[in-house]
Amino acid sequence: MKRNFMKVAEFLAQEFPELEGNITGGNYPPPPHALIWLQGMQIAQLVFLAFMILGDGLWNWIPFIQNPPNAYWEAKKYGMQIGIGLFLILPQMVNTMVVTGAFEIAVDGETIFSKIETGRFPSANDLVNPLLKAGLARAEVS
């Protein structure tokens, strides 16, 4: 995605010389619910690893619990499947929520193009026309 941004920035700087040096880009923030899922997944992975390394003895370190819950014994039967789910499948699902694929272009805080809204990458006209309407002067063709 960085390569796409660099190409668009180069195009805009060529078409509108006053923009040169004033084009910035960054990652679009993921939605808050995606960050919660990401943190939950990371915690589940750490707990799984702790039980894999320390085994049943980990329950001795948790106060007020004499015996592990029944769910633990059931999960222990399917350790390989749970591990595959936690480390291979779940990260792919969470990644689809975290990576937005956004490519938003704004002038003075006003969005002139949104890949999220249109579902496609901008064409030259998608960028040039709103910038001309915003009062920017296009480079003279020699």
Protein backbone atom coordinates (compact mmCIF):
# COMPACT_ATOMS: atom_id res chain seq x y z
CA MET A 1 0.00 0.00 0.00
CA LYS A 2 2.94 2.31 0.67
CA ARG A 3 3.95 1.94 -2.99
CA ASN A 4 0.46 3.08 -4.10
CA PHE A 5 0.69 6.11 -1.83
CA MET A 6 4.11 7.03 -3.22
CA LYS A 7 2.83 6.81 -6.81
CA VAL A 8 -0.19 9.01 -6.06
CA ALA A 9 1.96 11.51 -4.13
CA GLU A 10 4.40 11.71 -7.05
CA PHE A 11 1.53 12.20 -9.53
CA LEU A 12 -0.05 14.95 -7.42
CA ALA A 13 3.29 16.75 -6.95
CA GLN A 14 3.82 16.72 -10.73
CA GLU A 15 0.30 17.93 -11.51
CA PHE A 16 0.14 20.49 -8.70
CA PRO A 17 3.63 21.86 -7.90
CA GLU A 18 2.39 23.75 -4.83
CA LEU A 19 1.63 20.39 -3.20
CA GLU A 20 5.25 19.21 -3.41
CA GLY A 21 6.54 18.56 0.09
CA ASN A 22 3.05 18.95 1.56
CA ILE A 23 1.74 15.46 0.85
CA THR A 24 1.68 13.17 3.84
CA GLY A 25 0.33 9.69 4.44
CA GLY A 26 -0.14 7.21 7.21
CA ASN A 27 -1.99 4.12 8.27
CA TYR A 28 -5.72 4.39 8.66
CA PRO A 29 -6.66 3.41 12.22
CA PRO A 30 -8.54 0.13 12.57
CA PRO A 31 -11.97 0.19 14.20
CA PRO A 32 -12.01 -0.09 18.01
CA HIS A 33 -13.79 -3.46 18.00
CA ALA A 34 -10.97 -4.91 15.87
CA LEU A 35 -8.39 -3.79 18.43
CA ILE A 36 -10.39 -5.47 21.20
CA TRP A 37 -10.48 -8.73 19.19
CA LEU A 38 -6.73 -8.42 18.56
CA GLN A 39 -5.95 -7.97 22.26
CA GLY A 40 -8.27 -10.83 23.22
CA MET A 41 -6.55 -13.11 20.73
CA GLN A 42 -3.12 -12.19 22.07
CA ILE A 43 -4.21 -12.90 25.65
CA ALA A 44 -5.68 -16.26 24.61
CA GLN A 45 -2.43 -17.15 22.84
CA LEU A 46 -0.36 -16.28 25.92
CA VAL A 47 -2.63 -18.33 28.20
CA PHE A 48 -2.43 -21.28 25.80
CA LEU A 49 1.38 -21.06 25.73
CA ALA A 50 1.52 -20.82 29.52
CA PHE A 51 -0.49 -24.03 29.84
CA MET A 52 1.61 -25.73 27.17
CA ILE A 53 4.84 -24.87 29.00
CA LEU A 54 3.76 -25.16 32.63
CA GLY A 55 1.07 -27.82 32.24
CA ASP A 56 -1.45 -28.63 34.94
CA GLY A 57 0.82 -27.12 37.59
CA LEU A 58 -0.29 -23.64 36.49
CA TRP A 59 -3.56 -24.14 38.36
CA ASN A 60 -1.62 -24.32 41.64
CA TRP A 61 -0.57 -20.68 41.17
CA ILE A 62 -4.13 -19.39 40.74
CA PRO A 63 -5.62 -18.55 44.15
CA PHE A 64 -9.06 -19.83 45.22
CA ILE A 65 -9.12 -22.63 42.63
CA GLN A 66 -8.62 -26.14 44.01
CA ASN A 67 -9.38 -28.06 40.82
CA PRO A 68 -9.27 -27.01 37.17
CA PRO A 69 -12.70 -26.45 35.62
CA ASN A 70 -14.22 -29.16 33.43
CA ALA A 71 -13.79 -26.95 30.36
CA TYR A 72 -10.01 -27.15 30.88
CA TRP A 73 -10.04 -30.95 30.73
CA GLU A 74 -12.21 -30.89 27.61
CA ALA A 75 -9.95 -28.32 25.95
CA LYS A 76 -6.88 -30.36 26.90
CA LYS A 77 -8.25 -33.28 24.84
CA TYR A 78 -8.19 -31.06 21.75
CA GLY A 79 -4.95 -29.15 22.37
CA MET A 80 -3.64 -29.46 18.81
CA GLN A 81 -6.89 -28.25 17.25
CA ILE A 82 -7.15 -25.35 19.69
CA GLY A 83 -3.52 -24.42 19.00
CA ILE A 84 -4.11 -24.41 15.24
CA GLY A 85 -7.21 -22.29 15.73
CA LEU A 86 -5.46 -19.81 18.04
CA PHE A 87 -2.25 -19.43 16.05
CA LEU A 88 -3.28 -19.99 12.42
CA ILE A 89 -7.00 -19.48 11.85
CA LEU A 90 -7.98 -16.80 14.39
CA PRO A 91 -5.12 -14.42 13.42
CA GLN A 92 -6.30 -14.52 9.79
CA MET A 93 -9.83 -13.65 10.85
CA VAL A 94 -8.71 -10.82 13.13
CA ASN A 95 -6.36 -9.50 10.43
CA THR A 96 -9.31 -8.97 8.08
CA MET A 97 -10.82 -6.65 10.71
CA VAL A 98 -7.59 -4.77 11.44
CA VAL A 99 -6.44 -4.15 7.85
CA THR A 100 -8.88 -1.60 6.48
CA GLY A 101 -7.50 -1.24 2.94
CA ALA A 102 -8.26 2.45 3.26
CA PHE A 103 -6.90 4.98 0.81
CA GLU A 104 -8.36 8.33 1.81
CA ILE A 105 -7.34 11.63 0.26
CA ALA A 106 -8.20 14.89 2.00
CA VAL A 107 -7.53 18.58 1.30
CA ASP A 108 -7.70 20.93 4.28
CA GLY A 109 -9.41 18.22 6.31
CA GLU A 110 -12.15 17.55 3.73
CA THR A 111 -12.13 14.11 2.11
CA ILE A 112 -12.01 14.32 -1.69
CA PHE A 113 -11.67 10.58 -2.31
CA SER A 114 -12.40 7.54 -0.17
CA LYS A 115 -11.54 3.99 -1.20
CA ILE A 116 -13.66 2.79 1.70
CA GLU A 117 -16.74 4.50 0.23
CA THR A 118 -16.09 3.75 -3.46
CA GLY A 119 -14.44 0.35 -3.10
CA ARG A 120 -11.81 1.19 -5.69
CA PHE A 121 -8.50 2.99 -6.14
CA PRO A 122 -8.71 6.62 -7.39
CA SER A 123 -8.31 7.53 -11.04
CA ALA A 124 -6.53 10.70 -12.16
CA ASN A 125 -9.88 12.50 -12.61
CA ASP A 126 -10.96 11.49 -9.11
CA LEU A 127 -8.02 13.48 -7.80
CA VAL A 128 -7.48 16.31 -10.28
CA ASN A 129 -11.05 17.64 -10.49
CA PRO A 130 -11.60 18.11 -6.73
CA LEU A 131 -8.18 19.73 -6.39
CA LEU A 132 -8.97 22.18 -9.20
CA LYS A 133 -12.30 22.95 -7.48
CA ALA A 134 -10.38 23.55 -4.24
CA GLY A 135 -8.43 26.31 -6.02
CA LEU A 136 -5.10 24.61 -6.66
CA ALA A 137 -3.28 25.56 -9.85
CA ARG A 138 -2.34 22.78 -12.22
CA ALA A 139 1.20 22.63 -13.61
CA GLU A 140 1.65 24.11 -17.08
CA VAL A 141 2.45 21.62 -19.78
CA SER A 142 5.53 22.66 -21.74
